[in-house]
Structure formats: structure tokens, C-alpha cells
N, C-alpha and C. Protein backbone atom coordinates (compact mmCIF):
# COMPACT_ATOMS: atom_id res chain seq x y z
N MET A 1 -15.53 19.88 -10.17
CA MET A 1 -13.99 19.08 -9.84
C MET A 1 -14.10 18.62 -8.32
N SER A 2 -15.33 18.39 -8.26
CA SER A 2 -16.39 17.42 -6.67
C SER A 2 -16.11 16.15 -6.89
N ASP A 3 -16.49 15.65 -8.36
CA ASP A 3 -15.84 14.34 -9.62
C ASP A 3 -14.10 14.49 -9.71
N ARG A 4 -13.77 14.97 -9.17
CA ARG A 4 -12.78 13.81 -9.11
C ARG A 4 -12.05 12.80 -8.73
N LYS A 5 -11.58 12.23 -8.77
CA LYS A 5 -11.03 11.00 -8.34
C LYS A 5 -9.87 10.91 -6.80
N GLN A 6 -10.35 10.38 -5.44
CA GLN A 6 -9.19 11.06 -4.86
C GLN A 6 -8.00 9.31 -5.27
N ARG A 7 -6.96 11.02 -4.47
CA ARG A 7 -5.26 9.28 -5.24
C ARG A 7 -4.81 9.19 -4.27
N LYS A 8 -3.87 7.67 -4.69
CA LYS A 8 -3.73 7.72 -3.49
C LYS A 8 -2.59 7.64 -2.45
N THR A 9 -2.48 7.94 -1.32
CA THR A 9 -1.54 8.43 -0.74
C THR A 9 -0.66 7.42 0.24
N ILE A 10 0.60 7.20 0.38
CA ILE A 10 0.85 6.36 1.14
C ILE A 10 2.51 7.05 2.06
N VAL A 11 2.47 6.64 2.76
CA VAL A 11 3.36 7.32 3.97
C VAL A 11 4.48 6.05 4.27
N GLY A 12 6.29 6.77 3.44
CA GLY A 12 7.19 5.17 3.65
C GLY A 12 8.45 6.87 3.75
N THR A 13 10.13 6.11 3.83
CA THR A 13 10.88 5.92 4.46
C THR A 13 11.95 6.70 2.97
N VAL A 14 12.65 7.54 3.19
CA VAL A 14 13.17 8.30 1.70
C VAL A 14 14.56 7.00 1.93
N SER A 15 14.27 6.57 1.06
CA SER A 15 16.11 5.38 0.97
C SER A 15 17.19 5.84 0.60
N SER A 16 17.00 6.72 -0.42
CA SER A 16 17.79 7.18 -1.10
C SER A 16 17.74 8.70 -1.85
N ARG A 17 18.45 9.45 -2.18
CA ARG A 17 18.58 10.16 -2.67
C ARG A 17 19.23 10.39 -4.25
N SER A 18 18.02 9.96 -5.71
CA SER A 18 18.08 9.69 -7.16
C SER A 18 18.51 10.28 -8.30
N GLY A 19 19.09 11.72 -7.47
CA GLY A 19 19.47 13.15 -8.49
C GLY A 19 18.86 14.14 -8.23
N GLU A 20 18.55 15.19 -8.60
CA GLU A 20 17.90 16.41 -8.51
C GLU A 20 16.53 16.22 -8.51
N LYS A 21 16.42 16.42 -7.65
CA LYS A 21 14.20 16.92 -7.58
C LYS A 21 13.66 15.42 -7.38
N SER A 22 14.97 13.93 -7.21
CA SER A 22 13.85 12.89 -7.02
C SER A 22 14.70 11.88 -6.04
N VAL A 23 13.74 11.54 -5.68
CA VAL A 23 13.74 10.07 -4.39
C VAL A 23 12.83 8.91 -4.57
N LYS A 24 14.04 8.58 -3.75
CA LYS A 24 13.53 6.91 -3.30
C LYS A 24 12.97 6.44 -2.44
N VAL A 25 11.54 6.27 -2.96
CA VAL A 25 11.05 6.49 -1.04
C VAL A 25 9.89 4.65 -0.69
N THR A 26 10.54 4.02 0.16
CA THR A 26 10.56 2.48 0.44
C THR A 26 9.25 2.73 1.85
N TYR A 27 8.19 1.89 1.10
CA TYR A 27 7.05 1.92 2.50
C TYR A 27 6.64 0.04 2.34
N ASP A 28 6.21 -0.26 3.78
CA ASP A 28 6.14 -1.80 4.28
C ASP A 28 4.82 -1.68 4.69
N TYR A 29 4.39 -3.56 4.81
CA TYR A 29 3.23 -3.38 4.28
C TYR A 29 2.71 -4.57 4.76
N LYS A 30 1.61 -5.59 5.44
CA LYS A 30 1.72 -7.19 5.60
C LYS A 30 0.72 -7.94 4.74
N ILE A 31 0.98 -8.97 4.17
CA ILE A 31 0.23 -9.89 3.93
C ILE A 31 -0.08 -10.96 4.27
N ARG A 32 -1.27 -11.66 4.04
CA ARG A 32 -1.38 -12.96 4.56
C ARG A 32 -0.89 -13.91 3.24
N HIS A 33 -0.33 -14.85 3.78
CA HIS A 33 0.28 -16.32 3.31
C HIS A 33 -0.90 -16.86 2.92
N PRO A 34 -1.35 -17.51 1.32
CA PRO A 34 -2.55 -17.92 0.96
C PRO A 34 -2.96 -19.68 1.63
N LEU A 35 -2.13 -19.73 1.68
CA LEU A 35 -1.64 -21.18 1.86
C LEU A 35 -1.76 -21.18 3.32
N TYR A 36 -0.53 -20.92 4.24
CA TYR A 36 0.03 -20.99 5.79
C TYR A 36 -1.14 -19.78 6.49
N LYS A 37 -1.86 -19.17 5.91
CA LYS A 37 -2.97 -17.88 7.44
C LYS A 37 -1.39 -17.47 8.17
N LYS A 38 -0.20 -17.09 7.20
CA LYS A 38 0.84 -16.27 8.57
C LYS A 38 1.14 -14.81 7.52
N GLU A 39 1.13 -13.65 8.35
CA GLU A 39 1.70 -12.57 8.19
C GLU A 39 2.57 -12.70 7.47
N ILE A 40 2.97 -11.33 5.87
CA ILE A 40 4.95 -11.54 5.57
C ILE A 40 4.19 -10.34 5.84
N LYS A 41 6.01 -9.98 6.31
CA LYS A 41 5.87 -8.88 5.66
C LYS A 41 6.65 -8.46 4.19
N GLN A 42 5.93 -7.01 3.80
CA GLN A 42 6.91 -7.10 1.81
C GLN A 42 7.08 -5.40 2.27
N LYS A 43 8.44 -4.77 1.10
CA LYS A 43 7.62 -3.52 0.81
C LYS A 43 8.45 -3.29 -0.29
N THR A 44 8.08 -2.52 -1.05
CA THR A 44 7.78 -1.81 -2.16
C THR A 44 8.81 -0.07 -2.17
N VAL A 45 9.81 -0.07 -2.95
CA VAL A 45 10.02 1.02 -3.44
C VAL A 45 10.13 1.90 -4.76
N VAL A 46 10.05 3.06 -4.69
CA VAL A 46 8.70 3.73 -5.77
C VAL A 46 9.45 4.85 -5.78
N HIS A 47 9.51 5.35 -7.27
CA HIS A 47 10.59 6.43 -7.57
C HIS A 47 9.45 7.74 -7.67
N ALA A 48 9.68 8.74 -6.53
CA ALA A 48 8.80 10.25 -6.02
C ALA A 48 9.92 11.62 -6.49
N HIS A 49 8.90 12.68 -6.96
CA HIS A 49 9.34 13.72 -7.16
C HIS A 49 9.15 14.72 -6.17
N ASP A 50 10.30 15.37 -5.57
CA ASP A 50 10.16 16.17 -4.95
C ASP A 50 10.99 17.61 -5.19
N GLU A 51 9.87 18.62 -5.77
CA GLU A 51 10.10 19.88 -6.03
C GLU A 51 11.39 20.44 -5.17
N GLU A 52 11.26 20.85 -4.14
CA GLU A 52 11.98 21.88 -3.34
C GLU A 52 12.85 20.93 -3.00
N ASN A 53 13.01 19.99 -2.94
CA ASN A 53 15.07 19.14 -2.47
C ASN A 53 14.87 19.53 -1.42
N ALA A 54 13.02 18.89 -0.12
CA ALA A 54 13.63 18.91 1.07
C ALA A 54 13.68 17.96 2.06
N CYS A 55 14.01 16.61 0.97
CA CYS A 55 13.62 15.38 1.70
C CYS A 55 15.53 15.06 1.50
N ALA A 56 15.87 13.95 3.04
CA ALA A 56 17.23 14.55 3.29
C ALA A 56 16.67 12.83 2.90
N VAL A 57 17.64 11.08 3.11
CA VAL A 57 17.48 9.88 3.53
C VAL A 57 17.50 9.96 4.88
N GLY A 58 16.28 8.80 5.04
CA GLY A 58 16.16 8.93 6.77
C GLY A 58 14.30 8.91 6.92
N ASP A 59 13.70 9.99 6.29
CA ASP A 59 12.51 10.91 6.19
C ASP A 59 11.77 10.32 5.93
N ARG A 60 10.48 10.72 6.91
CA ARG A 60 9.17 9.86 6.88
C ARG A 60 8.94 10.99 5.81
N VAL A 61 7.71 10.74 5.13
CA VAL A 61 7.49 11.59 4.17
C VAL A 61 6.38 10.42 3.40
N SER A 62 4.85 11.17 2.88
CA SER A 62 3.63 11.47 2.68
C SER A 62 3.85 12.04 1.41
N ILE A 63 3.14 10.24 -0.10
CA ILE A 63 3.20 10.84 -0.99
C ILE A 63 2.32 10.34 -2.15
N MET A 64 2.36 10.98 -2.89
CA MET A 64 0.89 10.67 -3.95
C MET A 64 1.06 10.86 -4.88
N GLU A 65 0.26 9.69 -5.04
CA GLU A 65 -0.13 8.97 -7.01
C GLU A 65 -0.74 10.39 -7.91
N THR A 66 0.38 10.34 -8.82
CA THR A 66 0.44 11.64 -9.88
C THR A 66 0.11 11.07 -11.20
N ARG A 67 0.16 11.62 -11.58
CA ARG A 67 0.56 11.25 -13.60
C ARG A 67 2.18 10.90 -13.54
N PRO A 68 2.31 10.35 -14.81
CA PRO A 68 3.81 9.39 -15.05
C PRO A 68 4.39 11.03 -15.20
N LEU A 69 5.09 11.68 -14.34
CA LEU A 69 6.50 13.33 -14.44
C LEU A 69 7.28 12.04 -15.18
N SER A 70 7.87 10.83 -15.08
CA SER A 70 9.55 10.64 -16.07
C SER A 70 9.04 9.70 -15.98
N LYS A 71 10.21 8.50 -16.56
CA LYS A 71 10.01 7.21 -17.07
C LYS A 71 9.71 6.41 -16.09
N MET A 72 10.56 6.52 -14.54
CA MET A 72 10.21 5.89 -13.42
C MET A 72 8.92 6.43 -12.79
N LYS A 73 9.39 7.91 -12.39
CA LYS A 73 8.31 8.75 -11.36
C LYS A 73 6.51 8.71 -11.67
N ARG A 74 5.85 8.49 -10.54
CA ARG A 74 4.43 8.23 -10.76
C ARG A 74 4.08 8.95 -9.67
N PHE A 75 4.80 9.28 -8.44
CA PHE A 75 4.58 9.90 -7.54
C PHE A 75 5.11 10.96 -7.12
N ARG A 76 4.66 12.24 -6.28
CA ARG A 76 5.38 12.97 -6.03
C ARG A 76 5.44 13.20 -4.08
N VAL A 77 6.00 14.12 -3.58
CA VAL A 77 6.57 14.12 -1.78
C VAL A 77 5.34 15.01 -1.35
N VAL A 78 4.42 14.99 -0.93
CA VAL A 78 3.63 15.77 -1.18
C VAL A 78 3.60 16.96 0.95
N GLU A 79 4.74 16.27 1.87
CA GLU A 79 4.79 16.75 2.75
C GLU A 79 6.15 15.60 3.49
N VAL A 80 7.11 16.40 4.72
CA VAL A 80 7.96 15.62 5.24
C VAL A 80 7.00 15.76 6.66
N LEU A 81 6.92 14.70 6.81
CA LEU A 81 6.45 14.22 8.54
C LEU A 81 7.44 14.37 9.23
N GLU A 82 8.27 13.55 9.37
CA GLU A 82 9.56 13.61 10.38
C GLU A 82 11.02 13.73 9.63
N LYS A 83 11.49 14.07 10.51
CA LYS A 83 12.76 14.42 9.87
C LYS A 83 13.84 13.13 10.26
N ALA A 84 14.79 13.19 9.74
CA ALA A 84 16.05 11.28 10.11
C ALA A 84 16.46 12.51 11.39
N PRO A 85 17.11 11.24 12.01
CA PRO A 85 17.70 11.45 14.40
C PRO A 85 19.33 12.30 13.27
N ILE A 86 19.85 13.30 13.21
CA ILE A 86 21.63 13.91 12.99
C ILE A 86 22.19 12.67 13.58
N ILE A 87 23.11 11.84 13.28
CA ILE A 87 24.13 11.07 13.71
C ILE A 87 25.52 11.56 13.08
N GLY A 88 26.30 11.97 14.77
CA GLY A 88 27.64 12.41 14.01
C GLY A 88 27.69 13.07 15.18
């Protein structure tokens, strides 16, 4: 088991609940423009598996890369880092 490779982990925000045990997670990052050398903000949306249905929209979560779980899902929720503030 020690020769097993480390899997990619990402911290992002839940942008929507897309069905039972599924969430969409958005994460932001910056890249450098090749010509103008200015940093550009980019964001990516990935589908993740949420086994316990513990996530809500706005939660900050940690996700880990896994084997393909369905047509779109390639990540799973490891833990909920911060719950979304309740507005009301």
C-alpha cells in the first residue's frame, strides 16, 4: 500500500446540488497570461460524489480525485471544511 500514488485534492465551494448524492464544486485559481504576464482568474466546475448528502450550496469542501463513478463524476467529497452562513 505504500507505493500507492497520492491523489489530487482540491478545496472549493459547492455551487449546486445536482441530484441525490451529487454536488457541483467550483474552485478558483490564477494563471499567468503567456504574452502580457498578467494574472488571470479562472474557475472550474467539477461534479463530485457526496455519500452522506452532507453538503449544501455555499459550503466550502475538500474533494479528492477518484476512479470514474459515473459519466461526469470523477471526484468525491472528503470533508466539509466550513458550512455556508444561513441567511434569513
